[in-house]
Amino acid sequence: MTPELTFTQLVRRRLKYAPTNGELETDSALKDYGLDSAATIDLLLDLEDTYGITMPDEYLSEETFATLSSLWQAVSQLRQASESIGAAR
């Protein structure tokens, strides 16, 4: 399973109004799919556990959690930074 597929599955689990069939639109507002503040916290913990990252305070914003695309961009950046640190050791 690819990291992107895992990511989409994690996010979909936290969206009350996600379509059961078909793809999530990458630029649609996650709040339109039902992502509320409680689901955002659960999603944040899922992402940190799954990808071995810690999302710093500056990433905890409406912009980061606005769309599937913006959230994946943040996770990808944090994963790359984490892998770079691990490789340097």
PDB file of N, CA and C in Angstrom:
ATOM      1  N   MET A   1       0.845  -1.178   0.000  1.00  0.00           N
ATOM      2  CA  MET A   1       0.000   0.000   0.000  1.00  0.00           C
ATOM      3  C   MET A   1       0.888   1.239   0.000  1.00  0.00           C
ATOM      4  N   THR A   2       0.595   2.189  -0.861  1.00  0.00           N
ATOM      5  CA  THR A   2       1.414   3.397  -0.958  1.00  0.00           C
ATOM      6  C   THR A   2       1.092   4.360   0.177  1.00  0.00           C
ATOM      7  N   PRO A   3       2.045   5.227   0.512  1.00  0.00           N
ATOM      8  CA  PRO A   3       1.770   6.216   1.562  1.00  0.00           C
ATOM      9  C   PRO A   3       0.558   7.087   1.235  1.00  0.00           C
ATOM     10  N   GLU A   4       0.377   7.416  -0.050  1.00  0.00           N
ATOM     11  CA  GLU A   4      -0.743   8.256  -0.455  1.00  0.00           C
ATOM     12  C   GLU A   4      -2.079   7.545  -0.251  1.00  0.00           C
ATOM     13  N   LEU A   5      -2.129   6.265  -0.559  1.00  0.00           N
ATOM     14  CA  LEU A   5      -3.357   5.498  -0.372  1.00  0.00           C
ATOM     15  C   LEU A   5      -3.676   5.368   1.115  1.00  0.00           C
ATOM     16  N   THR A   6      -2.671   5.093   1.906  1.00  0.00           N
ATOM     17  CA  THR A   6      -2.856   5.020   3.350  1.00  0.00           C
ATOM     18  C   THR A   6      -3.381   6.357   3.870  1.00  0.00           C
ATOM     19  N   PHE A   7      -2.810   7.439   3.399  1.00  0.00           N
ATOM     20  CA  PHE A   7      -3.221   8.784   3.800  1.00  0.00           C
ATOM     21  C   PHE A   7      -4.693   9.015   3.484  1.00  0.00           C
ATOM     22  N   THR A   8      -5.091   8.714   2.272  1.00  0.00           N
ATOM     23  CA  THR A   8      -6.485   8.921   1.867  1.00  0.00           C
ATOM     24  C   THR A   8      -7.429   8.097   2.729  1.00  0.00           C
ATOM     25  N   GLN A   9      -7.047   6.882   3.040  1.00  0.00           N
ATOM     26  CA  GLN A   9      -7.886   6.035   3.886  1.00  0.00           C
ATOM     27  C   GLN A   9      -7.997   6.598   5.301  1.00  0.00           C
ATOM     28  N   LEU A  10      -6.890   7.101   5.836  1.00  0.00           N
ATOM     29  CA  LEU A  10      -6.918   7.700   7.171  1.00  0.00           C
ATOM     30  C   LEU A  10      -7.848   8.906   7.209  1.00  0.00           C
ATOM     31  N   VAL A  11      -7.719   9.760   6.216  1.00  0.00           N
ATOM     32  CA  VAL A  11      -8.547  10.966   6.172  1.00  0.00           C
ATOM     33  C   VAL A  11     -10.012  10.591   5.996  1.00  0.00           C
ATOM     34  N   ARG A  12     -10.288   9.695   5.077  1.00  0.00           N
ATOM     35  CA  ARG A  12     -11.675   9.296   4.790  1.00  0.00           C
ATOM     36  C   ARG A  12     -12.377   8.793   6.056  1.00  0.00           C
ATOM     37  N   ARG A  13     -11.667   8.085   6.918  1.00  0.00           N
ATOM     38  CA  ARG A  13     -12.260   7.561   8.157  1.00  0.00           C
ATOM     39  C   ARG A  13     -12.789   8.664   9.058  1.00  0.00           C
ATOM     40  N   ARG A  14     -12.233   9.861   8.941  1.00  0.00           N
ATOM     41  CA  ARG A  14     -12.609  10.980   9.819  1.00  0.00           C
ATOM     42  C   ARG A  14     -13.619  11.936   9.175  1.00  0.00           C
ATOM     43  N   LEU A  15     -14.050  11.637   7.957  1.00  0.00           N
ATOM     44  CA  LEU A  15     -14.972  12.519   7.245  1.00  0.00           C
ATOM     45  C   LEU A  15     -16.386  11.942   7.269  1.00  0.00           C
ATOM     46  N   LYS A  16     -17.285  12.613   7.968  1.00  0.00           N
ATOM     47  CA  LYS A  16     -18.657  12.129   8.111  1.00  0.00           C
ATOM     48  C   LYS A  16     -19.408  12.072   6.785  1.00  0.00           C
ATOM     49  N   TYR A  17     -19.095  13.001   5.894  1.00  0.00           N
ATOM     50  CA  TYR A  17     -19.866  13.119   4.655  1.00  0.00           C
ATOM     51  C   TYR A  17     -19.069  12.766   3.407  1.00  0.00           C
ATOM     52  N   ALA A  18     -18.032  11.988   3.574  1.00  0.00           N
ATOM     53  CA  ALA A  18     -17.234  11.565   2.414  1.00  0.00           C
ATOM     54  C   ALA A  18     -18.075  10.626   1.552  1.00  0.00           C
ATOM     55  N   PRO A  19     -17.956  10.749   0.245  1.00  0.00           N
ATOM     56  CA  PRO A  19     -18.698   9.830  -0.621  1.00  0.00           C
ATOM     57  C   PRO A  19     -18.204   8.400  -0.413  1.00  0.00           C
ATOM     58  N   THR A  20     -19.136   7.467  -0.357  1.00  0.00           N
ATOM     59  CA  THR A  20     -18.737   6.079  -0.130  1.00  0.00           C
ATOM     60  C   THR A  20     -18.124   5.467  -1.381  1.00  0.00           C
ATOM     61  N   ASN A  21     -18.515   5.943  -2.523  1.00  0.00           N
ATOM     62  CA  ASN A  21     -17.946   5.472  -3.799  1.00  0.00           C
ATOM     63  C   ASN A  21     -17.211   6.624  -4.461  1.00  0.00           C
ATOM     64  N   GLY A  22     -16.125   6.324  -5.071  1.00  0.00           N
ATOM     65  CA  GLY A  22     -15.391   7.352  -5.795  1.00  0.00           C
ATOM     66  C   GLY A  22     -14.313   8.006  -4.959  1.00  0.00           C
ATOM     67  N   GLU A  23     -13.621   8.885  -5.614  1.00  0.00           N
ATOM     68  CA  GLU A  23     -12.475   9.557  -5.021  1.00  0.00           C
ATOM     69  C   GLU A  23     -12.896  10.817  -4.280  1.00  0.00           C
ATOM     70  N   LEU A  24     -12.082  11.193  -3.317  1.00  0.00           N
ATOM     71  CA  LEU A  24     -12.237  12.492  -2.684  1.00  0.00           C
ATOM     72  C   LEU A  24     -11.578  13.525  -3.589  1.00  0.00           C
ATOM     73  N   GLU A  25     -12.216  14.645  -3.752  1.00  0.00           N
ATOM     74  CA  GLU A  25     -11.616  15.726  -4.538  1.00  0.00           C
ATOM     75  C   GLU A  25     -10.474  16.325  -3.726  1.00  0.00           C
ATOM     76  N   THR A  26      -9.293  16.383  -4.309  1.00  0.00           N
ATOM     77  CA  THR A  26      -8.117  16.821  -3.551  1.00  0.00           C
ATOM     78  C   THR A  26      -8.174  18.287  -3.147  1.00  0.00           C
ATOM     79  N   ASP A  27      -8.933  19.104  -3.864  1.00  0.00           N
ATOM     80  CA  ASP A  27      -9.001  20.526  -3.538  1.00  0.00           C
ATOM     81  C   ASP A  27     -10.330  20.951  -2.929  1.00  0.00           C
ATOM     82  N   SER A  28     -11.192  19.992  -2.608  1.00  0.00           N
ATOM     83  CA  SER A  28     -12.444  20.318  -1.917  1.00  0.00           C
ATOM     84  C   SER A  28     -12.167  20.536  -0.436  1.00  0.00           C
ATOM     85  N   ALA A  29     -12.933  21.416   0.167  1.00  0.00           N
ATOM     86  CA  ALA A  29     -12.759  21.712   1.589  1.00  0.00           C
ATOM     87  C   ALA A  29     -13.106  20.484   2.428  1.00  0.00           C
ATOM     88  N   LEU A  30     -12.182  20.078   3.287  1.00  0.00           N
ATOM     89  CA  LEU A  30     -12.423  18.924   4.149  1.00  0.00           C
ATOM     90  C   LEU A  30     -13.583  19.180   5.104  1.00  0.00           C
ATOM     91  N   LYS A  31     -13.792  20.433   5.477  1.00  0.00           N
ATOM     92  CA  LYS A  31     -14.932  20.725   6.361  1.00  0.00           C
ATOM     93  C   LYS A  31     -16.253  20.451   5.649  1.00  0.00           C
ATOM     94  N   ASP A  32     -16.276  20.574   4.315  1.00  0.00           N
ATOM     95  CA  ASP A  32     -17.488  20.245   3.562  1.00  0.00           C
ATOM     96  C   ASP A  32     -17.776  18.741   3.601  1.00  0.00           C
ATOM     97  N   TYR A  33     -16.748  17.946   3.825  1.00  0.00           N
ATOM     98  CA  TYR A  33     -16.909  16.497   3.968  1.00  0.00           C
ATOM     99  C   TYR A  33     -17.191  16.105   5.417  1.00  0.00           C
ATOM    100  N   GLY A  34     -17.253  17.109   6.315  1.00  0.00           N
ATOM    101  CA  GLY A  34     -17.601  16.838   7.703  1.00  0.00           C
ATOM    102  C   GLY A  34     -16.447  16.830   8.683  1.00  0.00           C
ATOM    103  N   LEU A  35     -15.281  17.333   8.278  1.00  0.00           N
ATOM    104  CA  LEU A  35     -14.154  17.388   9.215  1.00  0.00           C
ATOM    105  C   LEU A  35     -14.398  18.529  10.201  1.00  0.00           C
ATOM    106  N   ASP A  36     -14.660  18.177  11.455  1.00  0.00           N
ATOM    107  CA  ASP A  36     -14.857  19.174  12.499  1.00  0.00           C
ATOM    108  C   ASP A  36     -13.641  19.173  13.420  1.00  0.00           C
ATOM    109  N   SER A  37     -13.689  19.969  14.484  1.00  0.00           N
ATOM    110  CA  SER A  37     -12.512  20.103  15.341  1.00  0.00           C
ATOM    111  C   SER A  37     -12.142  18.791  16.039  1.00  0.00           C
ATOM    112  N   ALA A  38     -13.133  18.044  16.481  1.00  0.00           N
ATOM    113  CA  ALA A  38     -12.834  16.761  17.145  1.00  0.00           C
ATOM    114  C   ALA A  38     -12.229  15.770  16.158  1.00  0.00           C
ATOM    115  N   ALA A  39     -12.773  15.712  14.965  1.00  0.00           N
ATOM    116  CA  ALA A  39     -12.244  14.807  13.937  1.00  0.00           C
ATOM    117  C   ALA A  39     -10.845  15.237  13.509  1.00  0.00           C
ATOM    118  N   THR A  40     -10.588  16.536  13.514  1.00  0.00           N
ATOM    119  CA  THR A  40      -9.262  17.041  13.151  1.00  0.00           C
ATOM    120  C   THR A  40      -8.215  16.548  14.147  1.00  0.00           C
ATOM    121  N   ILE A  41      -8.539  16.574  15.420  1.00  0.00           N
ATOM    122  CA  ILE A  41      -7.605  16.095  16.445  1.00  0.00           C
ATOM    123  C   ILE A  41      -7.355  14.598  16.263  1.00  0.00           C
ATOM    124  N   ASP A  42      -8.415  13.838  16.046  1.00  0.00           N
ATOM    125  CA  ASP A  42      -8.253  12.395  15.820  1.00  0.00           C
ATOM    126  C   ASP A  42      -7.412  12.125  14.576  1.00  0.00           C
ATOM    127  N   LEU A  43      -7.666  12.884  13.532  1.00  0.00           N
ATOM    128  CA  LEU A  43      -6.904  12.732  12.287  1.00  0.00           C
ATOM    129  C   LEU A  43      -5.437  13.086  12.509  1.00  0.00           C
ATOM    130  N   LEU A  44      -5.185  14.147  13.231  1.00  0.00           N
ATOM    131  CA  LEU A  44      -3.817  14.549  13.538  1.00  0.00           C
ATOM    132  C   LEU A  44      -3.068  13.419  14.249  1.00  0.00           C
ATOM    133  N   LEU A  45      -3.699  12.825  15.252  1.00  0.00           N
ATOM    134  CA  LEU A  45      -3.069  11.721  15.978  1.00  0.00           C
ATOM    135  C   LEU A  45      -2.850  10.507  15.075  1.00  0.00           C
ATOM    136  N   ASP A  46      -3.825  10.211  14.205  1.00  0.00           N
ATOM    137  CA  ASP A  46      -3.669   9.109  13.240  1.00  0.00           C
ATOM    138  C   ASP A  46      -2.467   9.341  12.334  1.00  0.00           C
ATOM    139  N   LEU A  47      -2.344  10.554  11.818  1.00  0.00           N
ATOM    140  CA  LEU A  47      -1.248  10.868  10.894  1.00  0.00           C
ATOM    141  C   LEU A  47       0.107  10.789  11.594  1.00  0.00           C
ATOM    142  N   GLU A  48       0.179  11.326  12.802  1.00  0.00           N
ATOM    143  CA  GLU A  48       1.444  11.281  13.537  1.00  0.00           C
ATOM    144  C   GLU A  48       1.855   9.835  13.836  1.00  0.00           C
ATOM    145  N   ASP A  49       0.908   9.024  14.246  1.00  0.00           N
ATOM    146  CA  ASP A  49       1.211   7.619  14.550  1.00  0.00           C
ATOM    147  C   ASP A  49       1.594   6.836  13.301  1.00  0.00           C
ATOM    148  N   THR A  50       0.847   7.021  12.235  1.00  0.00           N
ATOM    149  CA  THR A  50       1.067   6.249  11.009  1.00  0.00           C
ATOM    150  C   THR A  50       2.377   6.608  10.326  1.00  0.00           C
ATOM    151  N   TYR A  51       2.681   7.892  10.262  1.00  0.00           N
ATOM    152  CA  TYR A  51       3.862   8.337   9.514  1.00  0.00           C
ATOM    153  C   TYR A  51       5.069   8.640  10.390  1.00  0.00           C
ATOM    154  N   GLY A  52       4.942   8.485  11.703  1.00  0.00           N
ATOM    155  CA  GLY A  52       6.072   8.719  12.592  1.00  0.00           C
ATOM    156  C   GLY A  52       6.543  10.157  12.585  1.00  0.00           C
ATOM    157  N   ILE A  53       5.594  11.073  12.508  1.00  0.00           N
ATOM    158  CA  ILE A  53       5.926  12.497  12.472  1.00  0.00           C
ATOM    159  C   ILE A  53       5.306  13.175  13.687  1.00  0.00           C
ATOM    160  N   THR A  54       5.780  14.372  13.960  1.00  0.00           N
ATOM    161  CA  THR A  54       5.158  15.245  14.940  1.00  0.00           C
ATOM    162  C   THR A  54       4.841  16.538  14.226  1.00  0.00           C
ATOM    163  N   MET A  55       3.584  16.896  14.237  1.00  0.00           N
ATOM    164  CA  MET A  55       3.171  18.099  13.530  1.00  0.00           C
ATOM    165  C   MET A  55       3.401  19.304  14.445  1.00  0.00           C
ATOM    166  N   PRO A  56       4.328  20.187  14.065  1.00  0.00           N
ATOM    167  CA  PRO A  56       4.625  21.345  14.910  1.00  0.00           C
ATOM    168  C   PRO A  56       3.460  22.342  14.910  1.00  0.00           C
ATOM    169  N   ASP A  57       3.472  23.220  15.905  1.00  0.00           N
ATOM    170  CA  ASP A  57       2.383  24.180  16.089  1.00  0.00           C
ATOM    171  C   ASP A  57       2.085  24.999  14.833  1.00  0.00           C
ATOM    172  N   GLU A  58       3.114  25.377  14.092  1.00  0.00           N
ATOM    173  CA  GLU A  58       2.873  26.213  12.910  1.00  0.00           C
ATOM    174  C   GLU A  58       2.091  25.484  11.818  1.00  0.00           C
ATOM    175  N   TYR A  59       2.020  24.169  11.889  1.00  0.00           N
ATOM    176  CA  TYR A  59       1.235  23.380  10.931  1.00  0.00           C
ATOM    177  C   TYR A  59      -0.212  23.200  11.387  1.00  0.00           C
ATOM    178  N   LEU A  60      -0.491  23.522  12.636  1.00  0.00           N
ATOM    179  CA  LEU A  60      -1.830  23.330  13.180  1.00  0.00           C
ATOM    180  C   LEU A  60      -2.688  24.550  12.859  1.00  0.00           C
ATOM    181  N   SER A  61      -3.096  24.622  11.601  1.00  0.00           N
ATOM    182  CA  SER A  61      -3.857  25.774  11.133  1.00  0.00           C
ATOM    183  C   SER A  61      -4.981  25.325  10.212  1.00  0.00           C
ATOM    184  N   GLU A  62      -5.918  26.226   9.993  1.00  0.00           N
ATOM    185  CA  GLU A  62      -7.007  25.932   9.068  1.00  0.00           C
ATOM    186  C   GLU A  62      -6.466  25.672   7.667  1.00  0.00           C
ATOM    187  N   GLU A  63      -5.410  26.369   7.295  1.00  0.00           N
ATOM    188  CA  GLU A  63      -4.834  26.204   5.960  1.00  0.00           C
ATOM    189  C   GLU A  63      -4.296  24.792   5.762  1.00  0.00           C
ATOM    190  N   THR A  64      -3.623  24.255   6.765  1.00  0.00           N
ATOM    191  CA  THR A  64      -3.060  22.912   6.659  1.00  0.00           C
ATOM    192  C   THR A  64      -4.159  21.882   6.489  1.00  0.00           C
ATOM    193  N   PHE A  65      -5.223  22.008   7.248  1.00  0.00           N
ATOM    194  CA  PHE A  65      -6.320  21.033   7.239  1.00  0.00           C
ATOM    195  C   PHE A  65      -7.465  21.441   6.315  1.00  0.00           C
ATOM    196  N   ALA A  66      -7.204  22.378   5.414  1.00  0.00           N
ATOM    197  CA  ALA A  66      -8.263  22.879   4.525  1.00  0.00           C
ATOM    198  C   ALA A  66      -8.693  21.859   3.480  1.00  0.00           C
ATOM    199  N   THR A  67      -7.727  21.238   2.829  1.00  0.00           N
ATOM    200  CA  THR A  67      -8.022  20.303   1.742  1.00  0.00           C
ATOM    201  C   THR A  67      -7.147  19.063   1.864  1.00  0.00           C
ATOM    202  N   LEU A  68      -7.506  18.040   1.136  1.00  0.00           N
ATOM    203  CA  LEU A  68      -6.697  16.829   1.091  1.00  0.00           C
ATOM    204  C   LEU A  68      -5.295  17.169   0.587  1.00  0.00           C
ATOM    205  N   SER A  69      -5.240  18.016  -0.407  1.00  0.00           N
ATOM    206  CA  SER A  69      -3.967  18.409  -1.006  1.00  0.00           C
ATOM    207  C   SER A  69      -3.073  19.171  -0.015  1.00  0.00           C
ATOM    208  N   SER A  70      -3.642  20.136   0.683  1.00  0.00           N
ATOM    209  CA  SER A  70      -2.827  20.921   1.622  1.00  0.00           C
ATOM    210  C   SER A  70      -2.351  20.068   2.798  1.00  0.00           C
ATOM    211  N   LEU A  71      -3.187  19.157   3.229  1.00  0.00           N
ATOM    212  CA  LEU A  71      -2.808  18.279   4.334  1.00  0.00           C
ATOM    213  C   LEU A  71      -1.725  17.295   3.897  1.00  0.00           C
ATOM    214  N   TRP A  72      -1.852  16.727   2.693  1.00  0.00           N
ATOM    215  CA  TRP A  72      -0.829  15.802   2.198  1.00  0.00           C
ATOM    216  C   TRP A  72       0.498  16.521   2.000  1.00  0.00           C
ATOM    217  N   GLN A  73       0.449  17.763   1.558  1.00  0.00           N
ATOM    218  CA  GLN A  73       1.679  18.534   1.381  1.00  0.00           C
ATOM    219  C   GLN A  73       2.400  18.691   2.721  1.00  0.00           C
ATOM    220  N   ALA A  74       1.668  19.003   3.778  1.00  0.00           N
ATOM    221  CA  ALA A  74       2.270  19.148   5.105  1.00  0.00           C
ATOM    222  C   ALA A  74       2.859  17.823   5.586  1.00  0.00           C
ATOM    223  N   VAL A  75       2.103  16.741   5.441  1.00  0.00           N
ATOM    224  CA  VAL A  75       2.582  15.425   5.874  1.00  0.00           C
ATOM    225  C   VAL A  75       3.832  15.041   5.082  1.00  0.00           C
ATOM    226  N   SER A  76       3.821  15.272   3.794  1.00  0.00           N
ATOM    227  CA  SER A  76       4.977  14.939   2.944  1.00  0.00           C
ATOM    228  C   SER A  76       6.214  15.705   3.371  1.00  0.00           C
ATOM    229  N   GLN A  77       6.055  16.992   3.641  1.00  0.00           N
ATOM    230  CA  GLN A  77       7.194  17.805   4.074  1.00  0.00           C
ATOM    231  C   GLN A  77       7.765  17.281   5.384  1.00  0.00           C
ATOM    232  N   LEU A  78       6.882  16.951   6.317  1.00  0.00           N
ATOM    233  CA  LEU A  78       7.339  16.453   7.609  1.00  0.00           C
ATOM    234  C   LEU A  78       7.991  15.081   7.483  1.00  0.00           C
ATOM    235  N   ARG A  79       7.467  14.237   6.605  1.00  0.00           N
ATOM    236  CA  ARG A  79       8.074  12.922   6.375  1.00  0.00           C
ATOM    237  C   ARG A  79       9.465  13.073   5.776  1.00  0.00           C
ATOM    238  N   GLN A  80       9.612  13.955   4.800  1.00  0.00           N
ATOM    239  CA  GLN A  80      10.916  14.172   4.167  1.00  0.00           C
ATOM    240  C   GLN A  80      11.921  14.704   5.177  1.00  0.00           C
ATOM    241  N   ALA A  81      11.489  15.640   6.010  1.00  0.00           N
ATOM    242  CA  ALA A  81      12.385  16.195   7.028  1.00  0.00           C
ATOM    243  C   ALA A  81      12.793  15.112   8.020  1.00  0.00           C
ATOM    244  N   SER A  82      11.851  14.280   8.403  1.00  0.00           N
ATOM    245  CA  SER A  82      12.135  13.194   9.340  1.00  0.00           C
ATOM    246  C   SER A  82      13.096  12.169   8.737  1.00  0.00           C
ATOM    247  N   GLU A  83      12.897  11.852   7.464  1.00  0.00           N
ATOM    248  CA  GLU A  83      13.783  10.892   6.780  1.00  0.00           C
ATOM    249  C   GLU A  83      15.182  11.479   6.620  1.00  0.00           C
ATOM    250  N   SER A  84      15.273  12.784   6.359  1.00  0.00           N
ATOM    251  CA  SER A  84      16.576  13.429   6.219  1.00  0.00           C
ATOM    252  C   SER A  84      17.345  13.399   7.534  1.00  0.00           C
ATOM    253  N   ILE A  85      16.646  13.642   8.616  1.00  0.00           N
ATOM    254  CA  ILE A  85      17.266  13.607   9.934  1.00  0.00           C
ATOM    255  C   ILE A  85      17.738  12.189  10.260  1.00  0.00           C
ATOM    256  N   GLY A  86      16.891  11.206   9.951  1.00  0.00           N
ATOM    257  CA  GLY A  86      17.235   9.802  10.195  1.00  0.00           C
ATOM    258  C   GLY A  86      18.430   9.363   9.371  1.00  0.00           C
ATOM    259  N   ALA A  87      18.529   9.830   8.130  1.00  0.00           N
ATOM    260  CA  ALA A  87      19.639   9.463   7.257  1.00  0.00           C
ATOM    261  C   ALA A  87      20.936  10.103   7.699  1.00  0.00           C
ATOM    262  N   ALA A  88      20.832  11.276   8.326  1.00  0.00           N
ATOM    263  CA  ALA A  88      22.036  12.002   8.761  1.00  0.00           C
ATOM    264  C   ALA A  88      22.658  11.366  10.002  1.00  0.00           C
ATOM    265  N   ARG A  89      21.902  10.547  10.688  1.00  0.00           N
ATOM    266  CA  ARG A  89      22.423   9.936  11.936  1.00  0.00           C
ATOM    267  C   ARG A  89      23.287   8.763  11.665  1.00  0.00           C
TER     268      ARG A  89
END
